[in-house]
Amino acid sequence: PPVERAADLFTRGDSMIPCPKSTVLFAYFAQWFTDGF
């Protein structure tokens, strides 16, 4: 499909599907240490 239509597959609806395990701190750390390299 066109790029824009493929990107539609990622868009969140009215509510977030929660991760059963992770906190926002995990998300922060993942971005922080990987953006270094």
All heavy atoms as atom14 arrays in JSON, in Angstrom:
{
  "sequence": "PPVERAADLFTRGDSMIPCPKSTVLFAYFAQWFTDGF",
  "atom14_mask": [
    [1, 1, 1, 1, 1, 1, 1, 0, 0, 0, 0, 0, 0, 0],
    [1, 1, 1, 1, 1, 1, 1, 0, 0, 0, 0, 0, 0, 0],
    [1, 1, 1, 1, 1, 1, 1, 0, 0, 0, 0, 0, 0, 0],
    [1, 1, 1, 1, 1, 1, 1, 1, 1, 0, 0, 0, 0, 0],
    [1, 1, 1, 1, 1, 1, 1, 1, 1, 1, 1, 0, 0, 0],
    [1, 1, 1, 1, 1, 0, 0, 0, 0, 0, 0, 0, 0, 0],
    [1, 1, 1, 1, 1, 0, 0, 0, 0, 0, 0, 0, 0, 0],
    [1, 1, 1, 1, 1, 1, 1, 1, 0, 0, 0, 0, 0, 0],
    [1, 1, 1, 1, 1, 1, 1, 1, 0, 0, 0, 0, 0, 0],
    [1, 1, 1, 1, 1, 1, 1, 1, 1, 1, 1, 0, 0, 0],
    [1, 1, 1, 1, 1, 1, 1, 0, 0, 0, 0, 0, 0, 0],
    [1, 1, 1, 1, 1, 1, 1, 1, 1, 1, 1, 0, 0, 0],
    [1, 1, 1, 1, 0, 0, 0, 0, 0, 0, 0, 0, 0, 0],
    [1, 1, 1, 1, 1, 1, 1, 1, 0, 0, 0, 0, 0, 0],
    [1, 1, 1, 1, 1, 1, 0, 0, 0, 0, 0, 0, 0, 0],
    [1, 1, 1, 1, 1, 1, 1, 1, 0, 0, 0, 0, 0, 0],
    [1, 1, 1, 1, 1, 1, 1, 1, 0, 0, 0, 0, 0, 0],
    [1, 1, 1, 1, 1, 1, 1, 0, 0, 0, 0, 0, 0, 0],
    [1, 1, 1, 1, 1, 1, 0, 0, 0, 0, 0, 0, 0, 0],
    [1, 1, 1, 1, 1, 1, 1, 0, 0, 0, 0, 0, 0, 0],
    [1, 1, 1, 1, 1, 1, 1, 1, 1, 0, 0, 0, 0, 0],
    [1, 1, 1, 1, 1, 1, 0, 0, 0, 0, 0, 0, 0, 0],
    [1, 1, 1, 1, 1, 1, 1, 0, 0, 0, 0, 0, 0, 0],
    [1, 1, 1, 1, 1, 1, 1, 0, 0, 0, 0, 0, 0, 0],
    [1, 1, 1, 1, 1, 1, 1, 1, 0, 0, 0, 0, 0, 0],
    [1, 1, 1, 1, 1, 1, 1, 1, 1, 1, 1, 0, 0, 0],
    [1, 1, 1, 1, 1, 0, 0, 0, 0, 0, 0, 0, 0, 0],
    [1, 1, 1, 1, 1, 1, 1, 1, 1, 1, 1, 1, 0, 0],
    [1, 1, 1, 1, 1, 1, 1, 1, 1, 1, 1, 0, 0, 0],
    [1, 1, 1, 1, 1, 0, 0, 0, 0, 0, 0, 0, 0, 0],
    [1, 1, 1, 1, 1, 1, 1, 1, 1, 0, 0, 0, 0, 0],
    [1, 1, 1, 1, 1, 1, 1, 1, 1, 1, 1, 1, 1, 1],
    [1, 1, 1, 1, 1, 1, 1, 1, 1, 1, 1, 0, 0, 0],
    [1, 1, 1, 1, 1, 1, 1, 0, 0, 0, 0, 0, 0, 0],
    [1, 1, 1, 1, 1, 1, 1, 1, 0, 0, 0, 0, 0, 0],
    [1, 1, 1, 1, 0, 0, 0, 0, 0, 0, 0, 0, 0, 0],
    [1, 1, 1, 1, 1, 1, 1, 1, 1, 1, 1, 0, 0, 0]
  ],
  "atom14_positions": [
    [[0.83, -1.21, 0.0], [0.0, 0.0, 0.0], [0.87, 1.25, 0.0], [2.07, 1.19, 0.31], [-0.77, -0.11, 1.32], [0.17, -0.84, 2.22], [0.89, -1.83, 1.33], [0.0, 0.0, 0.0], [0.0, 0.0, 0.0], [0.0, 0.0, 0.0], [0.0, 0.0, 0.0], [0.0, 0.0, 0.0], [0.0, 0.0, 0.0], [0.0, 0.0, 0.0]],
    [[0.3, 2.42, -0.31], [1.05, 3.66, -0.16], [1.53, 3.83, 1.29], [0.93, 3.29, 2.22], [0.03, 4.74, -0.54], [-1.0, 4.03, -1.36], [-1.06, 2.64, -0.85], [0.0, 0.0, 0.0], [0.0, 0.0, 0.0], [0.0, 0.0, 0.0], [0.0, 0.0, 0.0], [0.0, 0.0, 0.0], [0.0, 0.0, 0.0], [0.0, 0.0, 0.0]],
    [[2.61, 4.57, 1.46], [3.21, 4.76, 2.78], [2.18, 5.28, 3.79], [2.1, 4.8, 4.93], [4.41, 5.73, 2.69], [4.87, 6.15, 4.09], [5.55, 5.08, 1.94], [0.0, 0.0, 0.0], [0.0, 0.0, 0.0], [0.0, 0.0, 0.0], [0.0, 0.0, 0.0], [0.0, 0.0, 0.0], [0.0, 0.0, 0.0], [0.0, 0.0, 0.0]],
    [[1.37, 6.26, 3.38], [0.4, 6.86, 4.3], [-0.61, 5.83, 4.79], [-1.0, 5.83, 5.96], [-0.33, 8.01, 3.61], [0.56, 9.2, 3.27], [0.82, 10.07, 4.49], [0.11, 9.93, 5.48], [1.75, 10.91, 4.42], [0.0, 0.0, 0.0], [0.0, 0.0, 0.0], [0.0, 0.0, 0.0], [0.0, 0.0, 0.0], [0.0, 0.0, 0.0]],
    [[-1.04, 4.94, 3.91], [-2.02, 3.92, 4.33], [-1.37, 2.88, 5.24], [-2.0, 2.4, 6.19], [-2.63, 3.23, 3.1], [-3.56, 4.12, 2.29], [-4.45, 3.3, 1.4], [-5.36, 2.46, 2.18], [-6.01, 1.39, 1.67], [-5.82, 1.04, 0.4], [-6.82, 0.68, 2.42], [0.0, 0.0, 0.0], [0.0, 0.0, 0.0], [0.0, 0.0, 0.0]],
    [[-0.12, 2.54, 4.96], [0.58, 1.6, 5.85], [0.75, 2.22, 7.24], [0.63, 1.53, 8.26], [1.93, 1.23, 5.26], [0.0, 0.0, 0.0], [0.0, 0.0, 0.0], [0.0, 0.0, 0.0], [0.0, 0.0, 0.0], [0.0, 0.0, 0.0], [0.0, 0.0, 0.0], [0.0, 0.0, 0.0], [0.0, 0.0, 0.0], [0.0, 0.0, 0.0]],
    [[1.01, 3.53, 7.29], [1.17, 4.21, 8.58], [-0.11, 4.22, 9.38], [-0.08, 4.31, 10.62], [1.68, 5.63, 8.35], [0.0, 0.0, 0.0], [0.0, 0.0, 0.0], [0.0, 0.0, 0.0], [0.0, 0.0, 0.0], [0.0, 0.0, 0.0], [0.0, 0.0, 0.0], [0.0, 0.0, 0.0], [0.0, 0.0, 0.0], [0.0, 0.0, 0.0]],
    [[-1.27, 4.15, 8.7], [-2.55, 4.11, 9.41], [-2.63, 2.91, 10.35], [-3.39, 2.93, 11.33], [-3.72, 4.04, 8.41], [-3.92, 5.35, 7.66], [-3.44, 6.39, 8.14], [-4.55, 5.31, 6.59], [0.0, 0.0, 0.0], [0.0, 0.0, 0.0], [0.0, 0.0, 0.0], [0.0, 0.0, 0.0], [0.0, 0.0, 0.0], [0.0, 0.0, 0.0]],
    [[-1.86, 1.86, 10.06], [-1.9, 0.66, 10.89], [-1.37, 0.9, 12.3], [-1.59, 0.08, 13.19], [-1.06, -0.45, 10.24], [-1.61, -1.05, 8.93], [-0.53, -1.85, 8.22], [-2.82, -1.94, 9.24], [0.0, 0.0, 0.0], [0.0, 0.0, 0.0], [0.0, 0.0, 0.0], [0.0, 0.0, 0.0], [0.0, 0.0, 0.0], [0.0, 0.0, 0.0]],
    [[-0.66, 2.0, 12.5], [-0.05, 2.26, 13.8], [-0.89, 3.17, 14.69], [-0.68, 3.21, 15.9], [1.34, 2.88, 13.6], [2.35, 1.93, 13.02], [2.42, 1.72, 11.66], [3.2, 1.22, 13.85], [3.33, 0.83, 11.11], [4.12, 0.33, 13.33], [4.18, 0.13, 11.96], [0.0, 0.0, 0.0], [0.0, 0.0, 0.0], [0.0, 0.0, 0.0]],
    [[-1.84, 3.91, 14.13], [-2.5, 4.98, 14.86], [-3.42, 4.46, 15.95], [-4.25, 3.57, 15.72], [-3.28, 5.88, 13.9], [-2.38, 6.37, 12.9], [-3.91, 7.05, 14.63], [0.0, 0.0, 0.0], [0.0, 0.0, 0.0], [0.0, 0.0, 0.0], [0.0, 0.0, 0.0], [0.0, 0.0, 0.0], [0.0, 0.0, 0.0], [0.0, 0.0, 0.0]],
    [[-3.27, 5.03, 17.13], [-4.07, 4.67, 18.3], [-5.49, 5.18, 18.15], [-5.73, 6.25, 17.6], [-3.41, 5.27, 19.55], [-4.13, 4.99, 20.86], [-3.32, 5.59, 22.02], [-2.06, 4.9, 22.19], [-0.98, 5.43, 22.76], [-1.01, 6.67, 23.23], [0.14, 4.74, 22.87], [0.0, 0.0, 0.0], [0.0, 0.0, 0.0], [0.0, 0.0, 0.0]],
    [[-6.45, 4.41, 18.69], [-7.84, 4.83, 18.7], [-8.15, 5.68, 19.92], [-7.34, 6.49, 20.36], [0.0, 0.0, 0.0], [0.0, 0.0, 0.0], [0.0, 0.0, 0.0], [0.0, 0.0, 0.0], [0.0, 0.0, 0.0], [0.0, 0.0, 0.0], [0.0, 0.0, 0.0], [0.0, 0.0, 0.0], [0.0, 0.0, 0.0], [0.0, 0.0, 0.0]],
    [[-9.33, 5.45, 20.5], [-9.76, 6.28, 21.63], [-8.97, 6.01, 22.91], [-8.9, 6.86, 23.79], [-11.25, 6.06, 21.9], [-12.11, 6.55, 20.75], [-11.65, 7.46, 20.03], [-13.22, 6.01, 20.57], [0.0, 0.0, 0.0], [0.0, 0.0, 0.0], [0.0, 0.0, 0.0], [0.0, 0.0, 0.0], [0.0, 0.0, 0.0], [0.0, 0.0, 0.0]],
    [[-8.43, 4.82, 23.04], [-7.71, 4.49, 24.28], [-6.45, 3.68, 23.97], [-6.37, 3.0, 22.95], [-8.61, 3.69, 25.24], [-9.02, 2.48, 24.64], [0.0, 0.0, 0.0], [0.0, 0.0, 0.0], [0.0, 0.0, 0.0], [0.0, 0.0, 0.0], [0.0, 0.0, 0.0], [0.0, 0.0, 0.0], [0.0, 0.0, 0.0], [0.0, 0.0, 0.0]],
    [[-5.48, 3.77, 24.88], [-4.21, 3.06, 24.73], [-4.36, 1.61, 25.16], [-5.04, 1.31, 26.15], [-3.15, 3.75, 25.59], [-1.77, 3.12, 25.52], [-0.62, 3.85, 26.72], [-1.13, 3.04, 28.25], [0.0, 0.0, 0.0], [0.0, 0.0, 0.0], [0.0, 0.0, 0.0], [0.0, 0.0, 0.0], [0.0, 0.0, 0.0], [0.0, 0.0, 0.0]],
    [[-3.73, 0.71, 24.43], [-3.62, -0.68, 24.87], [-2.44, -0.75, 25.82], [-1.29, -0.51, 25.42], [-3.39, -1.63, 23.68], [-4.48, -1.46, 22.62], [-3.31, -3.07, 24.16], [-4.15, -2.13, 21.29], [0.0, 0.0, 0.0], [0.0, 0.0, 0.0], [0.0, 0.0, 0.0], [0.0, 0.0, 0.0], [0.0, 0.0, 0.0], [0.0, 0.0, 0.0]],
    [[-2.64, -1.03, 27.11], [-1.52, -0.98, 28.06], [-0.6, -2.19, 27.93], [-1.04, -3.3, 27.61], [-2.22, -0.96, 29.43], [-3.52, -1.66, 29.19], [-3.92, -1.33, 27.78], [0.0, 0.0, 0.0], [0.0, 0.0, 0.0], [0.0, 0.0, 0.0], [0.0, 0.0, 0.0], [0.0, 0.0, 0.0], [0.0, 0.0, 0.0], [0.0, 0.0, 0.0]],
    [[0.67, -1.96, 28.19], [1.62, -3.06, 28.28], [1.41, -3.76, 29.62], [1.28, -3.09, 30.65], [3.05, -2.54, 28.17], [4.3, -3.83, 28.33], [0.0, 0.0, 0.0], [0.0, 0.0, 0.0], [0.0, 0.0, 0.0], [0.0, 0.0, 0.0], [0.0, 0.0, 0.0], [0.0, 0.0, 0.0], [0.0, 0.0, 0.0], [0.0, 0.0, 0.0]],
    [[1.37, -5.09, 29.65], [1.16, -5.77, 30.94], [2.36, -5.7, 31.87], [2.25, -6.07, 33.03], [0.89, -7.22, 30.51], [1.55, -7.36, 29.19], [1.44, -6.04, 28.52], [0.0, 0.0, 0.0], [0.0, 0.0, 0.0], [0.0, 0.0, 0.0], [0.0, 0.0, 0.0], [0.0, 0.0, 0.0], [0.0, 0.0, 0.0], [0.0, 0.0, 0.0]],
    [[3.49, -5.19, 31.39], [4.71, -5.29, 32.18], [5.45, -3.97, 32.36], [6.03, -3.71, 33.42], [5.65, -6.3, 31.53], [6.91, -6.63, 32.31], [7.7, -7.73, 31.62], [8.95, -8.11, 32.41], [9.73, -9.16, 31.72], [0.0, 0.0, 0.0], [0.0, 0.0, 0.0], [0.0, 0.0, 0.0], [0.0, 0.0, 0.0], [0.0, 0.0, 0.0]],
    [[5.47, -3.11, 31.34], [6.4, -1.98, 31.32], [5.81, -0.68, 31.85], [4.61, -0.43, 31.73], [6.9, -1.73, 29.89], [7.54, -2.88, 29.38], [0.0, 0.0, 0.0], [0.0, 0.0, 0.0], [0.0, 0.0, 0.0], [0.0, 0.0, 0.0], [0.0, 0.0, 0.0], [0.0, 0.0, 0.0], [0.0, 0.0, 0.0], [0.0, 0.0, 0.0]],
    [[6.69, 0.15, 32.37], [6.32, 1.49, 32.81], [6.85, 2.52, 31.8], [7.67, 2.2, 30.93], [6.91, 1.81, 34.19], [8.35, 1.9, 34.07], [6.54, 0.75, 35.2], [0.0, 0.0, 0.0], [0.0, 0.0, 0.0], [0.0, 0.0, 0.0], [0.0, 0.0, 0.0], [0.0, 0.0, 0.0], [0.0, 0.0, 0.0], [0.0, 0.0, 0.0]],
    [[6.43, 3.76, 31.99], [6.94, 4.84, 31.14], [8.44, 5.02, 31.33], [9.15, 5.41, 30.39], [6.17, 6.15, 31.43], [6.85, 7.36, 30.82], [4.73, 6.04, 30.89], [0.0, 0.0, 0.0], [0.0, 0.0, 0.0], [0.0, 0.0, 0.0], [0.0, 0.0, 0.0], [0.0, 0.0, 0.0], [0.0, 0.0, 0.0], [0.0, 0.0, 0.0]],
    [[8.97, 4.69, 32.51], [10.41, 4.8, 32.71], [11.16, 3.89, 31.75], [12.24, 4.24, 31.25], [10.78, 4.45, 34.16], [12.27, 4.62, 34.49], [12.73, 6.06, 34.31], [12.56, 4.14, 35.91], [0.0, 0.0, 0.0], [0.0, 0.0, 0.0], [0.0, 0.0, 0.0], [0.0, 0.0, 0.0], [0.0, 0.0, 0.0], [0.0, 0.0, 0.0]],
    [[10.62, 2.72, 31.47], [11.22, 1.83, 30.47], [11.27, 2.51, 29.11], [12.29, 2.46, 28.4], [10.42, 0.53, 30.39], [10.8, -0.35, 29.23], [12.0, -1.04, 29.22], [9.94, -0.49, 28.15], [12.35, -1.85, 28.13], [10.27, -1.3, 27.07], [11.48, -1.98, 27.06], [0.0, 0.0, 0.0], [0.0, 0.0, 0.0], [0.0, 0.0, 0.0]],
    [[10.17, 3.17, 28.73], [10.14, 3.88, 27.45], [11.17, 5.0, 27.42], [11.89, 5.18, 26.43], [8.74, 4.44, 27.21], [0.0, 0.0, 0.0], [0.0, 0.0, 0.0], [0.0, 0.0, 0.0], [0.0, 0.0, 0.0], [0.0, 0.0, 0.0], [0.0, 0.0, 0.0], [0.0, 0.0, 0.0], [0.0, 0.0, 0.0], [0.0, 0.0, 0.0]],
    [[11.25, 5.77, 28.51], [12.23, 6.86, 28.59], [13.65, 6.33, 28.43], [14.47, 6.88, 27.69], [12.11, 7.58, 29.93], [10.93, 8.51, 30.08], [10.62, 9.03, 31.34], [10.13, 8.88, 29.0], [9.56, 9.91, 31.52], [9.06, 9.75, 29.17], [8.77, 10.26, 30.44], [7.72, 11.12, 30.6], [0.0, 0.0, 0.0], [0.0, 0.0, 0.0]],
    [[13.96, 5.26, 29.18], [15.33, 4.73, 29.15], [15.67, 4.18, 27.77], [16.79, 4.39, 27.26], [15.5, 3.65, 30.21], [16.93, 3.17, 30.36], [17.82, 3.87, 31.16], [17.39, 2.05, 29.7], [19.15, 3.45, 31.3], [18.7, 1.61, 29.82], [19.59, 2.32, 30.62], [0.0, 0.0, 0.0], [0.0, 0.0, 0.0], [0.0, 0.0, 0.0]],
    [[14.72, 3.48, 27.14], [14.96, 2.92, 25.81], [15.32, 4.03, 24.82], [16.28, 3.9, 24.04], [13.73, 2.15, 25.33], [0.0, 0.0, 0.0], [0.0, 0.0, 0.0], [0.0, 0.0, 0.0], [0.0, 0.0, 0.0], [0.0, 0.0, 0.0], [0.0, 0.0, 0.0], [0.0, 0.0, 0.0], [0.0, 0.0, 0.0], [0.0, 0.0, 0.0]],
    [[14.56, 5.1, 24.82], [14.84, 6.2, 23.9], [16.19, 6.85, 24.22], [17.0, 7.12, 23.33], [13.75, 7.27, 23.96], [14.02, 8.42, 22.98], [13.23, 9.67, 23.29], [12.79, 9.89, 24.41], [13.05, 10.51, 22.27], [0.0, 0.0, 0.0], [0.0, 0.0, 0.0], [0.0, 0.0, 0.0], [0.0, 0.0, 0.0], [0.0, 0.0, 0.0]],
    [[16.44, 7.06, 25.49], [17.63, 7.8, 25.9], [18.92, 7.08, 25.53], [19.81, 7.65, 24.91], [17.58, 8.03, 27.41], [18.79, 8.7, 27.98], [19.15, 10.01, 27.84], [19.8, 8.09, 28.78], [20.32, 10.26, 28.51], [20.75, 9.1, 29.09], [20.0, 6.8, 29.26], [21.86, 8.84, 29.87], [21.11, 6.54, 30.04], [22.03, 7.55, 30.33]],
    [[19.01, 5.79, 25.88], [20.3, 5.14, 25.65], [20.49, 4.76, 24.18], [21.61, 4.8, 23.65], [20.5, 3.96, 26.61], [20.36, 2.59, 26.0], [21.44, 1.96, 25.41], [19.14, 1.91, 26.05], [21.31, 0.69, 24.87], [19.02, 0.65, 25.51], [20.12, 0.03, 24.92], [0.0, 0.0, 0.0], [0.0, 0.0, 0.0], [0.0, 0.0, 0.0]],
    [[19.4, 4.46, 23.44], [19.56, 4.1, 22.03], [19.8, 5.31, 21.14], [20.49, 5.2, 20.13], [18.35, 3.32, 21.51], [17.16, 4.12, 21.66], [18.17, 2.02, 22.25], [0.0, 0.0, 0.0], [0.0, 0.0, 0.0], [0.0, 0.0, 0.0], [0.0, 0.0, 0.0], [0.0, 0.0, 0.0], [0.0, 0.0, 0.0], [0.0, 0.0, 0.0]],
    [[19.22, 6.46, 21.5], [19.45, 7.65, 20.68], [20.9, 8.1, 20.72], [21.32, 8.92, 19.9], [18.55, 8.8, 21.14], [17.2, 8.79, 20.44], [16.89, 7.76, 19.81], [16.46, 9.79, 20.52], [0.0, 0.0, 0.0], [0.0, 0.0, 0.0], [0.0, 0.0, 0.0], [0.0, 0.0, 0.0], [0.0, 0.0, 0.0], [0.0, 0.0, 0.0]],
    [[21.68, 7.56, 21.64], [23.1, 7.88, 21.67], [23.87, 7.24, 20.53], [24.89, 7.77, 20.09], [0.0, 0.0, 0.0], [0.0, 0.0, 0.0], [0.0, 0.0, 0.0], [0.0, 0.0, 0.0], [0.0, 0.0, 0.0], [0.0, 0.0, 0.0], [0.0, 0.0, 0.0], [0.0, 0.0, 0.0], [0.0, 0.0, 0.0], [0.0, 0.0, 0.0]],
    [[23.42, 6.06, 20.02], [24.17, 5.41, 18.95], [23.32, 5.09, 17.72], [23.86, 4.72, 16.68], [24.85, 4.12, 19.46], [23.92, 3.12, 20.07], [23.28, 2.17, 19.3], [23.7, 3.12, 21.44], [22.43, 1.24, 19.88], [22.86, 2.19, 22.03], [22.22, 1.25, 21.24], [0.0, 0.0, 0.0], [0.0, 0.0, 0.0], [0.0, 0.0, 0.0]]
  ]
}
